[in-house]
């Protein structure tokens, strides 16, 4: 019994030391919203309505970056979406601050980046901001893909999350 207690204490001390030396954050963009912004009805040259747009998130949400060590980049995550409408549209994206479960900010939106082509270097991807930015153009019925990465900056611990919003404007 005494040996088992000593072993357990030794194991706990070793694990505590390893977590101290190799800190990590389990990062999860838990909230992912989508929407659509529809302008006033427009008409074409013949006077008929120009069309509608509608956003469908097909796959990839919520984004889960998994375990990311502090000071390192996550693996790239793919989100697929579609314009379900009959008119061309712009995909708009924005992100909030990274926060903990107690709503304490631990990271700025810009540590999350997105691109419409896979394998782009993190520095060449578009950083998220709190105001919407154009991510891509989608024709009627067209499907698009986006590729997401994040940087686990100092101060991030536990399981922080970020609210990301995709909107469709037509």
Protein backbone atom coordinates (compact mmCIF):
# COMPACT_ATOMS: atom_id res chain seq x y z
CA UNK A 1 0.00 0.00 0.00
CA UNK A 2 2.80 2.43 0.93
CA UNK A 3 4.55 1.78 -2.41
CA UNK A 4 1.31 2.42 -4.31
CA UNK A 5 0.79 5.77 -2.53
CA UNK A 6 4.39 6.78 -3.23
CA UNK A 7 3.98 5.79 -6.89
CA UNK A 8 0.75 7.82 -7.21
CA UNK A 9 2.36 10.88 -5.62
CA UNK A 10 5.36 10.53 -7.92
CA UNK A 11 3.07 10.23 -10.93
CA UNK A 12 1.11 13.36 -9.96
CA UNK A 13 4.31 15.37 -9.40
CA UNK A 14 5.64 14.22 -12.79
CA UNK A 15 2.40 15.16 -14.59
CA UNK A 16 2.29 18.56 -12.86
CA UNK A 17 5.88 19.19 -13.93
CA UNK A 18 5.16 18.17 -17.53
CA UNK A 19 2.12 20.48 -17.72
CA UNK A 20 4.25 23.29 -16.31
CA UNK A 21 7.07 22.72 -18.82
CA UNK A 22 4.78 22.01 -21.80
CA UNK A 23 1.69 24.19 -21.39
CA UNK A 24 -1.11 23.67 -23.86
CA UNK A 25 -4.51 24.99 -24.67
CA UNK A 26 -7.41 22.95 -25.98
CA UNK A 27 -8.91 25.38 -28.45
CA UNK A 28 -12.44 25.23 -29.72
CA UNK A 29 -14.33 27.75 -31.84
CA UNK A 30 -17.54 26.50 -30.30
CA UNK A 31 -19.94 29.09 -31.62
CA UNK A 32 -20.32 29.44 -35.35
CA UNK A 33 -23.20 31.48 -36.65
CA UNK A 34 -24.38 32.06 -40.16
CA UNK A 35 -26.91 34.40 -41.61
CA UNK A 36 -27.97 36.28 -44.67
CA UNK A 37 -28.30 39.98 -45.43
CA UNK A 38 -30.84 40.75 -48.13
CA UNK A 39 -30.86 44.18 -49.72
CA UNK A 40 -33.86 45.93 -51.22
CA UNK A 41 -35.32 44.04 -54.19
CA UNK A 42 -33.47 44.90 -57.35
CA UNK A 43 -34.50 44.39 -60.93
CA UNK A 44 -32.63 43.66 -64.10
CA UNK A 45 -33.00 45.45 -67.46
CA UNK A 46 -36.29 43.72 -68.22
CA UNK A 47 -37.86 44.80 -64.92
CA UNK A 48 -37.99 41.33 -63.36
CA UNK A 49 -36.59 40.55 -59.92
CA UNK A 50 -32.84 39.93 -59.92
CA UNK A 51 -32.86 36.93 -57.52
CA UNK A 52 -32.24 35.85 -53.96
CA UNK A 53 -29.42 34.32 -51.96
CA UNK A 54 -29.31 31.95 -49.00
CA UNK A 55 -26.38 30.57 -47.01
CA UNK A 56 -26.07 26.89 -46.10
CA UNK A 57 -23.15 25.65 -43.97
CA UNK A 58 -22.54 22.16 -45.36
CA UNK A 59 -19.73 20.87 -43.14
CA UNK A 60 -16.90 21.71 -40.77
CA UNK A 61 -18.69 23.48 -37.92
CA UNK A 62 -18.19 23.93 -35.13
CA UNK A 63 -14.47 24.27 -35.80
CA UNK A 64 -12.42 22.31 -33.27
CA UNK A 65 -8.68 23.02 -33.41
CA UNK A 66 -7.96 20.33 -30.83
CA UNK A 67 -4.93 20.55 -28.56
CA UNK A 68 -2.56 23.37 -29.53
CA UNK A 69 0.62 24.18 -27.63
CA UNK A 70 1.18 27.80 -26.65
CA UNK A 71 3.15 29.69 -29.30
CA UNK A 72 2.17 27.25 -32.04
CA UNK A 73 -0.28 27.15 -34.94
CA UNK A 74 -3.22 24.82 -35.16
CA UNK A 75 -3.77 22.38 -37.96
CA UNK A 76 -5.87 23.80 -40.79
CA UNK A 77 -9.62 23.14 -40.54
CA UNK A 78 -12.03 23.18 -43.51
CA UNK A 79 -15.54 24.68 -43.60
CA UNK A 80 -17.78 24.15 -46.65
CA UNK A 81 -20.72 26.44 -47.47
CA UNK A 82 -23.15 27.03 -50.32
CA UNK A 83 -25.17 29.91 -51.79
CA UNK A 84 -28.62 28.32 -52.06
CA UNK A 85 -30.09 31.30 -53.89
CA UNK A 86 -30.51 32.46 -57.48
CA UNK A 87 -28.24 35.54 -57.29
CA UNK A 88 -24.53 36.08 -56.75
CA UNK A 89 -23.48 36.95 -53.20
CA UNK A 90 -20.54 37.86 -50.99
CA UNK A 91 -19.52 35.69 -48.04
CA UNK A 92 -18.76 38.01 -45.12
CA UNK A 93 -16.80 36.86 -42.05
CA UNK A 94 -16.08 38.31 -38.62
CA UNK A 95 -14.87 37.02 -35.28
CA UNK A 96 -15.05 37.98 -31.65
CA UNK A 97 -12.34 37.80 -29.02
CA UNK A 98 -11.18 34.45 -27.76
CA UNK A 99 -12.70 33.98 -24.30
CA UNK A 100 -12.59 31.46 -21.48
CA UNK A 101 -15.57 29.69 -19.99
CA UNK A 102 -15.89 32.59 -17.53
CA UNK A 103 -16.02 35.12 -20.42
CA UNK A 104 -12.53 36.43 -19.70
CA UNK A 105 -10.83 37.62 -22.94
CA UNK A 106 -7.62 35.68 -23.65
CA UNK A 107 -7.00 36.40 -27.33
CA UNK A 108 -7.76 38.91 -30.06
CA UNK A 109 -9.81 37.96 -33.15
CA UNK A 110 -6.76 38.37 -35.42
CA UNK A 111 -5.11 35.19 -34.08
CA UNK A 112 -7.69 33.32 -36.17
CA UNK A 113 -7.04 33.40 -39.90
CA UNK A 114 -8.93 32.11 -42.93
CA UNK A 115 -8.24 31.52 -46.63
CA UNK A 116 -10.26 30.17 -49.55
CA UNK A 117 -7.41 27.97 -50.77
CA UNK A 118 -5.87 25.12 -48.74
CA UNK A 119 -2.30 25.09 -47.47
CA UNK A 120 -1.75 28.86 -47.39
CA UNK A 121 0.83 30.03 -44.88
CA UNK A 122 -0.67 31.53 -41.73
CA UNK A 123 0.79 34.97 -42.43
CA UNK A 124 -0.85 35.02 -45.87
CA UNK A 125 -4.33 34.15 -44.60
CA UNK A 126 -6.92 36.85 -43.83
CA UNK A 127 -7.11 37.68 -40.10
CA UNK A 128 -10.56 37.93 -38.54
CA UNK A 129 -11.78 41.25 -37.20
CA UNK A 130 -14.78 42.31 -35.11
CA UNK A 131 -16.29 43.94 -38.20
CA UNK A 132 -17.29 41.93 -41.26
CA UNK A 133 -14.82 41.47 -44.13
CA UNK A 134 -15.44 39.94 -47.56
CA UNK A 135 -14.15 36.36 -47.64
CA UNK A 136 -15.35 35.27 -51.08
CA UNK A 137 -17.83 35.71 -53.93
CA UNK A 138 -20.32 32.92 -54.61
CA UNK A 139 -22.48 32.57 -57.68
CA UNK A 140 -26.02 31.23 -57.52
CA UNK A 141 -25.98 27.62 -56.32
CA UNK A 142 -22.18 27.68 -55.96
CA UNK A 143 -20.31 25.87 -53.16
CA UNK A 144 -17.22 27.35 -51.49
CA UNK A 145 -14.58 26.22 -49.02
CA UNK A 146 -12.65 28.08 -46.36
CA UNK A 147 -9.53 26.97 -44.49
CA UNK A 148 -9.10 28.09 -40.88
CA UNK A 149 -6.08 28.25 -38.56
CA UNK A 150 -5.34 29.86 -35.23
CA UNK A 151 -2.27 30.79 -33.21
CA UNK A 152 -2.28 29.86 -29.51
CA UNK A 153 -0.85 32.98 -27.96
CA UNK A 154 0.58 33.33 -24.47
CA UNK A 155 -2.10 33.55 -21.83
CA UNK A 156 -4.44 31.03 -23.45
CA UNK A 157 -5.12 28.09 -21.16
CA UNK A 158 -7.91 25.62 -20.72
CA UNK A 159 -10.53 25.54 -23.47
CA UNK A 160 -11.06 29.04 -24.85
CA UNK A 161 -13.58 29.66 -27.61
CA UNK A 162 -14.38 32.30 -30.21
CA UNK A 163 -17.63 33.29 -31.85
CA UNK A 164 -17.26 33.42 -35.64
CA UNK A 165 -20.00 34.72 -37.95
CA UNK A 166 -20.44 34.01 -41.65
CA UNK A 167 -23.00 36.15 -43.47
CA UNK A 168 -24.16 36.18 -47.06
CA UNK A 169 -24.84 39.55 -48.71
CA UNK A 170 -26.70 39.70 -52.01
